[in-house]
C-alpha atoms as a PDB file:
ATOM      1  CA  MET A   1       0.110   5.109 -27.611  1.00  0.00           C
ATOM      2  CA  SER A   2      -2.942   3.224 -28.773  1.00  0.00           C
ATOM      3  CA  LEU A   3      -3.332  -0.228 -27.220  1.00  0.00           C
ATOM      4  CA  ASN A   4      -5.404  -3.288 -27.979  1.00  0.00           C
ATOM      5  CA  THR A   5      -6.656  -4.643 -24.649  1.00  0.00           C
ATOM      6  CA  ASP A   6      -8.954  -7.517 -23.816  1.00  0.00           C
ATOM      7  CA  TRP A   7      -9.887 -10.158 -21.273  1.00  0.00           C
ATOM      8  CA  LEU A   8      -9.295 -13.620 -22.692  1.00  0.00           C
ATOM      9  CA  ASN A   9     -10.253 -17.092 -21.519  1.00  0.00           C
ATOM     10  CA  PHE A  10      -8.106 -19.972 -22.710  1.00  0.00           C
ATOM     11  CA  ASP A  11      -8.336 -23.713 -22.333  1.00  0.00           C
ATOM     12  CA  GLY A  12      -5.540 -25.241 -20.276  1.00  0.00           C
ATOM     13  CA  GLY A  13      -6.650 -28.850 -20.553  1.00  0.00           C
ATOM     14  CA  GLU A  14      -8.422 -29.790 -17.335  1.00  0.00           C
ATOM     15  CA  ARG A  15      -9.598 -26.220 -16.702  1.00  0.00           C
ATOM     16  CA  SER A  16      -9.849 -22.818 -18.341  1.00  0.00           C
ATOM     17  CA  TYR A  17      -7.985 -19.672 -17.339  1.00  0.00           C
ATOM     18  CA  ARG A  18      -8.604 -15.931 -17.529  1.00  0.00           C
ATOM     19  CA  LEU A  19      -6.077 -13.219 -18.284  1.00  0.00           C
ATOM     20  CA  TYR A  20      -5.885  -9.571 -19.272  1.00  0.00           C
ATOM     21  CA  ILE A  21      -3.919  -8.900 -22.458  1.00  0.00           C
ATOM     22  CA  SER A  22      -2.497  -5.581 -23.635  1.00  0.00           C
ATOM     23  CA  ARG A  23      -0.360  -4.842 -26.702  1.00  0.00           C
ATOM     24  CA  PRO A  24       0.543  -1.929 -28.988  1.00  0.00           C
ATOM     25  CA  ALA A  25      -2.301  -1.551 -31.482  1.00  0.00           C
ATOM     26  CA  ASN A  26      -0.018  -1.091 -34.478  1.00  0.00           C
ATOM     27  CA  ALA A  27       2.369  -3.959 -33.760  1.00  0.00           C
ATOM     28  CA  ASP A  28       1.584  -6.648 -36.335  1.00  0.00           C
ATOM     29  CA  THR A  29       4.329  -9.153 -35.561  1.00  0.00           C
ATOM     30  CA  PRO A  30       4.550 -11.442 -32.498  1.00  0.00           C
ATOM     31  CA  LEU A  31       6.027  -9.618 -29.512  1.00  0.00           C
ATOM     32  CA  PRO A  32       8.193 -10.650 -26.556  1.00  0.00           C
ATOM     33  CA  VAL A  33       6.061 -11.074 -23.442  1.00  0.00           C
ATOM     34  CA  VAL A  34       5.961  -9.663 -19.929  1.00  0.00           C
ATOM     35  CA  ILE A  35       3.770 -11.646 -17.528  1.00  0.00           C
ATOM     36  CA  VAL A  36       2.563  -9.222 -14.833  1.00  0.00           C
ATOM     37  CA  ILE A  37       1.758 -11.099 -11.625  1.00  0.00           C
ATOM     38  CA  GLN A  38      -0.745  -9.588  -9.221  1.00  0.00           C
ATOM     39  CA  GLU A  39      -0.485  -8.481  -5.635  1.00  0.00           C
ATOM     40  CA  ILE A  40      -2.775 -10.160  -3.121  1.00  0.00           C
ATOM     41  CA  TRP A  41      -5.521  -7.744  -4.275  1.00  0.00           C
ATOM     42  CA  GLY A  42      -5.838  -9.506  -7.617  1.00  0.00           C
ATOM     43  CA  THR A  43      -5.901  -8.036 -11.105  1.00  0.00           C
ATOM     44  CA  ASP A  44      -7.100  -4.672  -9.835  1.00  0.00           C
ATOM     45  CA  ALA A  45      -6.810  -1.243 -11.457  1.00  0.00           C
ATOM     46  CA  HIS A  46      -3.160  -0.920 -10.368  1.00  0.00           C
ATOM     47  CA  ILE A  47      -2.122  -4.214 -11.967  1.00  0.00           C
ATOM     48  CA  LEU A  48      -4.056  -3.480 -15.167  1.00  0.00           C
ATOM     49  CA  ASP A  49      -2.393  -0.063 -15.342  1.00  0.00           C
ATOM     50  CA  LEU A  50       1.034  -1.671 -14.988  1.00  0.00           C
ATOM     51  CA  THR A  51       0.174  -4.196 -17.689  1.00  0.00           C
ATOM     52  CA  ASP A  52      -0.724  -1.351 -20.043  1.00  0.00           C
ATOM     53  CA  ARG A  53       2.512   0.435 -19.149  1.00  0.00           C
ATOM     54  CA  PHE A  54       4.546  -2.593 -20.185  1.00  0.00           C
ATOM     55  CA  ALA A  55       2.540  -2.807 -23.405  1.00  0.00           C
ATOM     56  CA  LYS A  56       3.366   0.842 -24.108  1.00  0.00           C
ATOM     57  CA  ALA A  57       7.031  -0.101 -23.686  1.00  0.00           C
ATOM     58  CA  GLY A  58       6.620  -2.405 -26.693  1.00  0.00           C
ATOM     59  CA  TYR A  59       5.711  -5.769 -25.200  1.00  0.00           C
ATOM     60  CA  LEU A  60       2.762  -8.097 -25.223  1.00  0.00           C
ATOM     61  CA  ALA A  61       1.821  -7.753 -21.552  1.00  0.00           C
ATOM     62  CA  VAL A  62      -0.507 -10.185 -19.807  1.00  0.00           C
ATOM     63  CA  ALA A  63      -1.924 -10.316 -16.285  1.00  0.00           C
ATOM     64  CA  PRO A  64      -3.363 -13.730 -15.341  1.00  0.00           C
ATOM     65  CA  ASP A  65      -6.313 -13.603 -12.954  1.00  0.00           C
ATOM     66  CA  LEU A  66      -5.049 -15.974 -10.273  1.00  0.00           C
ATOM     67  CA  TYR A  67      -8.405 -15.905  -8.470  1.00  0.00           C
ATOM     68  CA  ALA A  68     -10.537 -17.045 -11.408  1.00  0.00           C
ATOM     69  CA  GLU A  69     -11.763 -20.633 -11.362  1.00  0.00           C
ATOM     70  CA  ASN A  70     -12.492 -21.926 -14.855  1.00  0.00           C
ATOM     71  CA  GLY A  71     -12.616 -18.372 -16.099  1.00  0.00           C
ATOM     72  CA  GLN A  72     -14.797 -16.895 -13.356  1.00  0.00           C
ATOM     73  CA  ARG A  73     -14.185 -15.675  -9.834  1.00  0.00           C
ATOM     74  CA  PRO A  74     -16.084 -17.095  -6.851  1.00  0.00           C
ATOM     75  CA  ASP A  75     -18.298 -14.545  -5.112  1.00  0.00           C
ATOM     76  CA  VAL A  76     -15.970 -14.226  -2.132  1.00  0.00           C
ATOM     77  CA  LEU A  77     -13.118 -13.023  -4.401  1.00  0.00           C
ATOM     78  CA  LYS A  78     -15.032 -10.811  -6.803  1.00  0.00           C
ATOM     79  CA  GLU A  79     -13.539  -7.385  -7.420  1.00  0.00           C
ATOM     80  CA  GLU A  80     -16.149  -5.489  -5.426  1.00  0.00           C
ATOM     81  CA  ARG A  81     -15.619  -7.719  -2.379  1.00  0.00           C
ATOM     82  CA  ILE A  82     -11.840  -7.212  -2.495  1.00  0.00           C
ATOM     83  CA  GLU A  83     -12.279  -3.451  -2.882  1.00  0.00           C
ATOM     84  CA  GLN A  84     -14.476  -3.556   0.217  1.00  0.00           C
ATOM     85  CA  VAL A  85     -11.646  -5.177   2.197  1.00  0.00           C
ATOM     86  CA  LYS A  86      -9.115  -2.673   0.867  1.00  0.00           C
ATOM     87  CA  ALA A  87     -11.347   0.246   1.843  1.00  0.00           C
ATOM     88  CA  PHE A  88     -11.802  -1.195   5.338  1.00  0.00           C
ATOM     89  CA  LEU A  89      -8.082  -1.802   5.882  1.00  0.00           C
ATOM     90  CA  ASN A  90      -7.283   1.719   4.698  1.00  0.00           C
ATOM     91  CA  THR A  91      -9.216   3.000   7.721  1.00  0.00           C
ATOM     92  CA  LEU A  92      -6.739   1.232  10.039  1.00  0.00           C
ATOM     93  CA  PRO A  93      -3.055   1.839  10.759  1.00  0.00           C
ATOM     94  CA  PRO A  94      -0.997  -0.706   8.735  1.00  0.00           C
ATOM     95  CA  ALA A  95       0.207  -2.323  11.986  1.00  0.00           C
ATOM     96  CA  SER A  96      -3.397  -3.273  12.767  1.00  0.00           C
ATOM     97  CA  TRP A  97      -4.016  -5.121   9.490  1.00  0.00           C
ATOM     98  CA  HIS A  98      -2.824  -8.423  10.925  1.00  0.00           C
ATOM     99  CA  ASP A  99      -3.764  -7.684  14.540  1.00  0.00           C
ATOM    100  CA  PRO A 100      -6.952  -9.758  15.048  1.00  0.00           C
ATOM    101  CA  ILE A 101      -8.003  -7.831  18.157  1.00  0.00           C
ATOM    102  CA  ALA A 102      -7.673  -4.389  16.574  1.00  0.00           C
ATOM    103  CA  ARG A 103      -9.218  -5.592  13.320  1.00  0.00           C
ATOM    104  CA  GLU A 104     -12.206  -7.160  15.064  1.00  0.00           C
ATOM    105  CA  ALA A 105     -12.771  -4.048  17.170  1.00  0.00           C
ATOM    106  CA  ALA A 106     -13.031  -1.996  13.972  1.00  0.00           C
ATOM    107  CA  LEU A 107     -15.231  -4.592  12.273  1.00  0.00           C
ATOM    108  CA  GLU A 108     -17.709  -4.559  15.151  1.00  0.00           C
ATOM    109  CA  LYS A 109     -18.561  -0.954  14.293  1.00  0.00           C
ATOM    110  CA  LEU A 110     -19.848  -1.993  10.857  1.00  0.00           C
ATOM    111  CA  PRO A 111     -23.292  -3.340   9.873  1.00  0.00           C
ATOM    112  CA  GLU A 112     -23.485  -7.116  10.307  1.00  0.00           C
ATOM    113  CA  GLU A 113     -23.811  -8.037   6.617  1.00  0.00           C
ATOM    114  CA  LYS A 114     -20.861  -5.888   5.578  1.00  0.00           C
ATOM    115  CA  ARG A 115     -18.850  -7.157   8.546  1.00  0.00           C
ATOM    116  CA  GLU A 116     -19.311 -10.795   7.533  1.00  0.00           C
ATOM    117  CA  GLU A 117     -18.467 -10.103   3.894  1.00  0.00           C
ATOM    118  CA  ILE A 118     -15.209  -8.403   4.890  1.00  0.00           C
ATOM    119  CA  ARG A 119     -14.316 -11.217   7.294  1.00  0.00           C
ATOM    120  CA  SER A 120     -14.834 -13.959   4.715  1.00  0.00           C
ATOM    121  CA  THR A 121     -12.995 -12.174   1.891  1.00  0.00           C
ATOM    122  CA  PHE A 122     -10.114 -11.202   4.190  1.00  0.00           C
ATOM    123  CA  ALA A 123      -9.760 -14.827   5.280  1.00  0.00           C
ATOM    124  CA  GLU A 124      -9.831 -16.029   1.681  1.00  0.00           C
ATOM    125  CA  LEU A 125      -7.237 -13.482   0.538  1.00  0.00           C
ATOM    126  CA  PHE A 126      -4.688 -13.909   3.280  1.00  0.00           C
ATOM    127  CA  GLY A 127      -5.361 -17.611   3.779  1.00  0.00           C
ATOM    128  CA  GLY A 128      -4.759 -17.996   0.061  1.00  0.00           C
ATOM    129  CA  LEU A 129      -1.039 -17.382   0.571  1.00  0.00           C
ATOM    130  CA  ALA A 130      -0.856 -21.063   1.494  1.00  0.00           C
ATOM    131  CA  ARG A 131      -2.065 -21.873  -2.020  1.00  0.00           C
ATOM    132  CA  LEU A 132       0.905 -20.469  -3.905  1.00  0.00           C
ATOM    133  CA  PRO A 133       1.520 -23.852  -5.610  1.00  0.00           C
ATOM    134  CA  GLU A 134      -1.958 -23.609  -7.161  1.00  0.00           C
ATOM    135  CA  ARG A 135      -1.261 -20.043  -8.306  1.00  0.00           C
ATOM    136  CA  LEU A 136       2.036 -21.198  -9.774  1.00  0.00           C
ATOM    137  CA  GLU A 137       0.213 -23.817 -11.854  1.00  0.00           C
ATOM    138  CA  ILE A 138      -1.881 -21.029 -13.401  1.00  0.00           C
ATOM    139  CA  LEU A 139       1.274 -19.153 -14.354  1.00  0.00           C
ATOM    140  CA  GLN A 140       2.794 -22.262 -15.880  1.00  0.00           C
ATOM    141  CA  ALA A 141      -0.376 -22.827 -17.913  1.00  0.00           C
ATOM    142  CA  THR A 142      -0.193 -19.184 -19.034  1.00  0.00           C
ATOM    143  CA  LEU A 143       3.400 -19.665 -20.145  1.00  0.00           C
ATOM    144  CA  ARG A 144       2.438 -22.700 -22.231  1.00  0.00           C
ATOM    145  CA  PHE A 145      -0.447 -20.748 -23.781  1.00  0.00           C
ATOM    146  CA  LEU A 146       1.830 -17.848 -24.717  1.00  0.00           C
ATOM    147  CA  GLN A 147       4.277 -20.134 -26.473  1.00  0.00           C
ATOM    148  CA  GLU A 148       1.559 -20.907 -29.046  1.00  0.00           C
ATOM    149  CA  TYR A 149      -0.508 -17.691 -28.943  1.00  0.00           C
ATOM    150  CA  LYS A 150      -0.504 -15.876 -32.306  1.00  0.00           C
ATOM    151  CA  HIS A 151       0.719 -12.565 -30.857  1.00  0.00           C
ATOM    152  CA  SER A 152       3.668 -14.117 -28.958  1.00  0.00           C
ATOM    153  CA  ARG A 153       4.529 -17.388 -30.729  1.00  0.00           C
ATOM    154  CA  GLY A 154       8.276 -17.901 -30.949  1.00  0.00           C
ATOM    155  CA  GLN A 155       9.088 -14.978 -28.662  1.00  0.00           C
ATOM    156  CA  LYS A 156      10.788 -14.875 -25.275  1.00  0.00           C
ATOM    157  CA  VAL A 157       8.761 -14.563 -22.079  1.00  0.00           C
ATOM    158  CA  ALA A 158       9.758 -12.905 -18.782  1.00  0.00           C
ATOM    159  CA  SER A 159       7.842 -12.215 -15.586  1.00  0.00           C
ATOM    160  CA  VAL A 160       7.442  -9.440 -13.051  1.00  0.00           C
ATOM    161  CA  GLY A 161       5.485  -9.692  -9.818  1.00  0.00           C
ATOM    162  CA  TYR A 162       4.559  -7.525  -6.867  1.00  0.00           C
ATOM    163  CA  CYS A 163       4.268  -8.685  -3.235  1.00  0.00           C
ATOM    164  CA  MET A 164       2.637 -12.147  -3.531  1.00  0.00           C
ATOM    165  CA  GLY A 165       3.277 -11.861  -7.261  1.00  0.00           C
ATOM    166  CA  GLY A 166       6.944 -11.140  -6.610  1.00  0.00           C
ATOM    167  CA  ALA A 167       7.285 -14.445  -4.783  1.00  0.00           C
ATOM    168  CA  LEU A 168       5.489 -16.170  -7.655  1.00  0.00           C
ATOM    169  CA  SER A 169       7.726 -14.518 -10.252  1.00  0.00           C
ATOM    170  CA  ALA A 170      10.766 -16.017  -8.520  1.00  0.00           C
ATOM    171  CA  LEU A 171       9.096 -19.418  -8.123  1.00  0.00           C
ATOM    172  CA  LEU A 172       8.180 -19.424 -11.824  1.00  0.00           C
ATOM    173  CA  ALA A 173      11.887 -18.984 -12.588  1.00  0.00           C
ATOM    174  CA  CYS A 174      12.628 -21.999 -10.361  1.00  0.00           C
ATOM    175  CA  ARG A 175      10.131 -24.156 -12.279  1.00  0.00           C
ATOM    176  CA  GLU A 176      10.335 -23.018 -15.909  1.00  0.00           C
ATOM    177  CA  PRO A 177      13.690 -23.269 -17.724  1.00  0.00           C
ATOM    178  CA  SER A 178      12.211 -21.447 -20.734  1.00  0.00           C
ATOM    179  CA  LEU A 179      11.602 -18.237 -18.753  1.00  0.00           C
ATOM    180  CA  ALA A 180      13.966 -15.532 -20.045  1.00  0.00           C
ATOM    181  CA  GLY A 181      14.028 -13.424 -16.884  1.00  0.00           C
ATOM    182  CA  ALA A 182      12.205 -12.753 -13.620  1.00  0.00           C
ATOM    183  CA  VAL A 183      11.692  -9.529 -11.659  1.00  0.00           C
ATOM    184  CA  VAL A 184      10.711  -9.558  -7.986  1.00  0.00           C
ATOM    185  CA  TYR A 185       9.182  -6.522  -6.316  1.00  0.00           C
ATOM    186  CA  TYR A 186       9.168  -6.962  -2.513  1.00  0.00           C
ATOM    187  CA  GLY A 187       8.246 -10.649  -2.626  1.00  0.00           C
ATOM    188  CA  ASN A 188       9.503 -13.609  -0.608  1.00  0.00           C
ATOM    189  CA  LEU A 189      12.576 -15.193  -2.177  1.00  0.00           C
ATOM    190  CA  PRO A 190      13.156 -18.880  -2.977  1.00  0.00           C
ATOM    191  CA  SER A 191      15.103 -21.179  -0.676  1.00  0.00           C
ATOM    192  CA  LYS A 192      18.659 -22.254  -1.382  1.00  0.00           C
ATOM    193  CA  GLU A 193      17.359 -25.672  -2.462  1.00  0.00           C
ATOM    194  CA  GLN A 194      14.998 -24.094  -5.016  1.00  0.00           C
ATOM    195  CA  ILE A 195      17.706 -21.959  -6.593  1.00  0.00           C
ATOM    196  CA  LYS A 196      19.101 -24.904  -8.561  1.00  0.00           C
ATOM    197  CA  GLY A 197      16.037 -24.710 -10.826  1.00  0.00           C
ATOM    198  CA  ILE A 198      16.713 -21.102 -11.889  1.00  0.00           C
ATOM    199  CA  HIS A 199      18.130 -20.780 -15.404  1.00  0.00           C
ATOM    200  CA  CYS A 200      17.507 -17.080 -16.092  1.00  0.00           C
ATOM    201  CA  PRO A 201      18.648 -13.733 -14.693  1.00  0.00           C
ATOM    202  CA  VAL A 202      16.662 -12.440 -11.707  1.00  0.00           C
ATOM    203  CA  ALA A 203      16.289  -8.810 -10.619  1.00  0.00           C
ATOM    204  CA  GLY A 204      14.830  -7.600  -7.343  1.00  0.00           C
ATOM    205  CA  PHE A 205      13.567  -4.308  -5.924  1.00  0.00           C
ATOM    206  CA  PHE A 206      13.019  -3.889  -2.187  1.00  0.00           C
ATOM    207  CA  GLY A 207      12.352  -1.252   0.467  1.00  0.00           C
ATOM    208  CA  SER A 208      14.683  -0.804   3.424  1.00  0.00           C
ATOM    209  CA  LEU A 209      11.719  -0.437   5.803  1.00  0.00           C
ATOM    210  CA  ASP A 210      10.190  -3.740   4.643  1.00  0.00           C
ATOM    211  CA  GLU A 211      12.414  -5.732   6.984  1.00  0.00           C
ATOM    212  CA  ARG A 212      10.591  -9.072   6.839  1.00  0.00           C
ATOM    213  CA  ILE A 213      11.136  -9.293   3.076  1.00  0.00           C
ATOM    214  CA  THR A 214      14.357  -7.338   2.666  1.00  0.00           C
ATOM    215  CA  SER A 215      16.167  -9.371   5.333  1.00  0.00           C
ATOM    216  CA  GLN A 216      16.012 -12.333   2.913  1.00  0.00           C
ATOM    217  CA  VAL A 217      18.014 -10.542   0.221  1.00  0.00           C
ATOM    218  CA  PRO A 218      21.622 -11.026   1.434  1.00  0.00           C
ATOM    219  CA  GLY A 219      21.220 -14.784   1.879  1.00  0.00           C
ATOM    220  CA  PHE A 220      19.514 -15.181  -1.491  1.00  0.00           C
ATOM    221  CA  ALA A 221      22.170 -13.059  -3.213  1.00  0.00           C
ATOM    222  CA  LYS A 222      24.950 -15.154  -1.690  1.00  0.00           C
ATOM    223  CA  ALA A 223      23.278 -18.440  -2.646  1.00  0.00           C
ATOM    224  CA  MET A 224      22.711 -17.238  -6.220  1.00  0.00           C
ATOM    225  CA  GLN A 225      26.337 -16.163  -6.517  1.00  0.00           C
ATOM    226  CA  GLU A 226      27.579 -19.487  -5.165  1.00  0.00           C
ATOM    227  CA  ALA A 227      25.368 -21.284  -7.693  1.00  0.00           C
ATOM    228  CA  GLY A 228      26.784 -19.193 -10.543  1.00  0.00           C
ATOM    229  CA  LYS A 229      23.442 -17.500 -11.256  1.00  0.00           C
ATOM    230  CA  SER A 230      22.616 -13.859 -11.990  1.00  0.00           C
ATOM    231  CA  PHE A 231      20.829 -11.770  -9.348  1.00  0.00           C
ATOM    232  CA  THR A 232      20.889  -7.972  -9.345  1.00  0.00           C
ATOM    233  CA  TYR A 233      18.931  -5.939  -6.841  1.00  0.00           C
ATOM    234  CA  GLU A 234      18.236  -2.557  -5.287  1.00  0.00           C
ATOM    235  CA  ILE A 235      17.211  -1.799  -1.709  1.00  0.00           C
ATOM    236  CA  TYR A 236      15.708   1.681  -1.496  1.00  0.00           C
ATOM    237  CA  GLU A 237      16.411   3.614   1.670  1.00  0.00           C
ATOM    238  CA  GLY A 238      13.254   4.894   3.332  1.00  0.00           C
ATOM    239  CA  ALA A 239      10.902   2.836   1.153  1.00  0.00           C
ATOM    240  CA  HIS A 240       8.196   0.588   2.581  1.00  0.00           C
ATOM    241  CA  HIS A 241       6.634  -2.617   1.300  1.00  0.00           C
ATOM    242  CA  ALA A 242       4.540  -1.897  -1.826  1.00  0.00           C
ATOM    243  CA  PHE A 243       6.536   1.245  -2.550  1.00  0.00           C
ATOM    244  CA  PHE A 244       5.718   0.883  -6.257  1.00  0.00           C
ATOM    245  CA  ASN A 245       1.937   0.894  -5.794  1.00  0.00           C
ATOM    246  CA  ASP A 246       0.889   4.457  -6.569  1.00  0.00           C
ATOM    247  CA  THR A 247      -2.637   3.839  -5.236  1.00  0.00           C
ATOM    248  CA  ARG A 248      -1.420   3.328  -1.668  1.00  0.00           C
ATOM    249  CA  ALA A 249       0.092   5.508   1.050  1.00  0.00           C
ATOM    250  CA  SER A 250       3.282   3.406   0.862  1.00  0.00           C
ATOM    251  CA  TYR A 251       4.090   4.800  -2.617  1.00  0.00           C
ATOM    252  CA  HIS A 252       7.653   6.120  -2.864  1.00  0.00           C
ATOM    253  CA  VAL A 253       8.082   8.180  -6.008  1.00  0.00           C
ATOM    254  CA  GLN A 254      11.888   8.264  -6.161  1.00  0.00           C
ATOM    255  CA  ALA A 255      12.256   4.521  -5.570  1.00  0.00           C
ATOM    256  CA  SER A 256       9.499   3.786  -8.083  1.00  0.00           C
ATOM    257  CA  ARG A 257      11.044   5.964 -10.772  1.00  0.00           C
ATOM    258  CA  ASP A 258      14.413   4.265 -10.420  1.00  0.00           C
ATOM    259  CA  ALA A 259      12.943   0.756 -10.224  1.00  0.00           C
ATOM    260  CA  TRP A 260      10.778   1.321 -13.319  1.00  0.00           C
ATOM    261  CA  ALA A 261      13.746   2.470 -15.387  1.00  0.00           C
ATOM    262  CA  LYS A 262      15.888  -0.460 -14.249  1.00  0.00           C
ATOM    263  CA  THR A 263      13.065  -2.935 -14.885  1.00  0.00           C
ATOM    264  CA  LEU A 264      12.731  -1.755 -18.481  1.00  0.00           C
ATOM    265  CA  VAL A 265      16.499  -2.057 -18.982  1.00  0.00           C
ATOM    266  CA  PHE A 266      16.385  -5.583 -17.554  1.00  0.00           C
ATOM    267  CA  PHE A 267      13.608  -6.624 -19.938  1.00  0.00           C
ATOM    268  CA  GLU A 268      15.407  -5.008 -22.870  1.00  0.00           C
ATOM    269  CA  GLU A 269      18.385  -7.244 -22.068  1.00  0.00           C
ATOM    270  CA  VAL A 270      16.651 -10.561 -21.393  1.00  0.00           C
ATOM    271  CA  LEU A 271      13.929 -10.317 -24.039  1.00  0.00           C
ATOM    272  CA  ALA A 272      16.101  -9.079 -26.924  1.00  0.00           C
END
């Protein structure tokens, strides 16, 4: 399928925002929207590929760049710096990623300039998890933009997020009554107190080996049921965190195939 793709900056009032947009080239009418919310690695090749995949399914798909400030990324979070961190971490066992001693021992083997760049970008990426409220504001601004954008005006909007983006997809549902649906891939789930703000169906996809995240699912499912809200989910046996990311060793093809099919069915239902 031929797609029209572009990076677009839009004015959100006090600041401007940057997002990747993809849509079927021959679709002339406004389309329902899927907001694709990034992993901690930003709007990288994997996220852009997923955005195009949702566009090929017949949606206007957008991926907001949550690291852009007034339409441009700071040096510490530019794509090449993040790729440098990813390449470094891929040389370590996953258990060492958040082990400061093991990480520093590996860093000490690198040239000083490269070592300092990796340290600063790593700190900015993983320290940025404390800034989820700021990221959520970007998503809310994106939602307001899409409500008036010529290719989506008058259409329903749903979200899907991965890892950090999965948590943000659920939080967007807690904050925005107009959201038609939210999909969470291996992201932290909202608290019982936050659930009262959810007005749309939520779907979740998790790996059985991702215990820190997946252990939250039963409590969230129970709280959603007690609140009379819709939550469907799958926990894939033998799948790790980030099982859907086909650029990483954690990729699980069977779980990904099933989750992709169920995600498209979910969007067909909530965006109809």
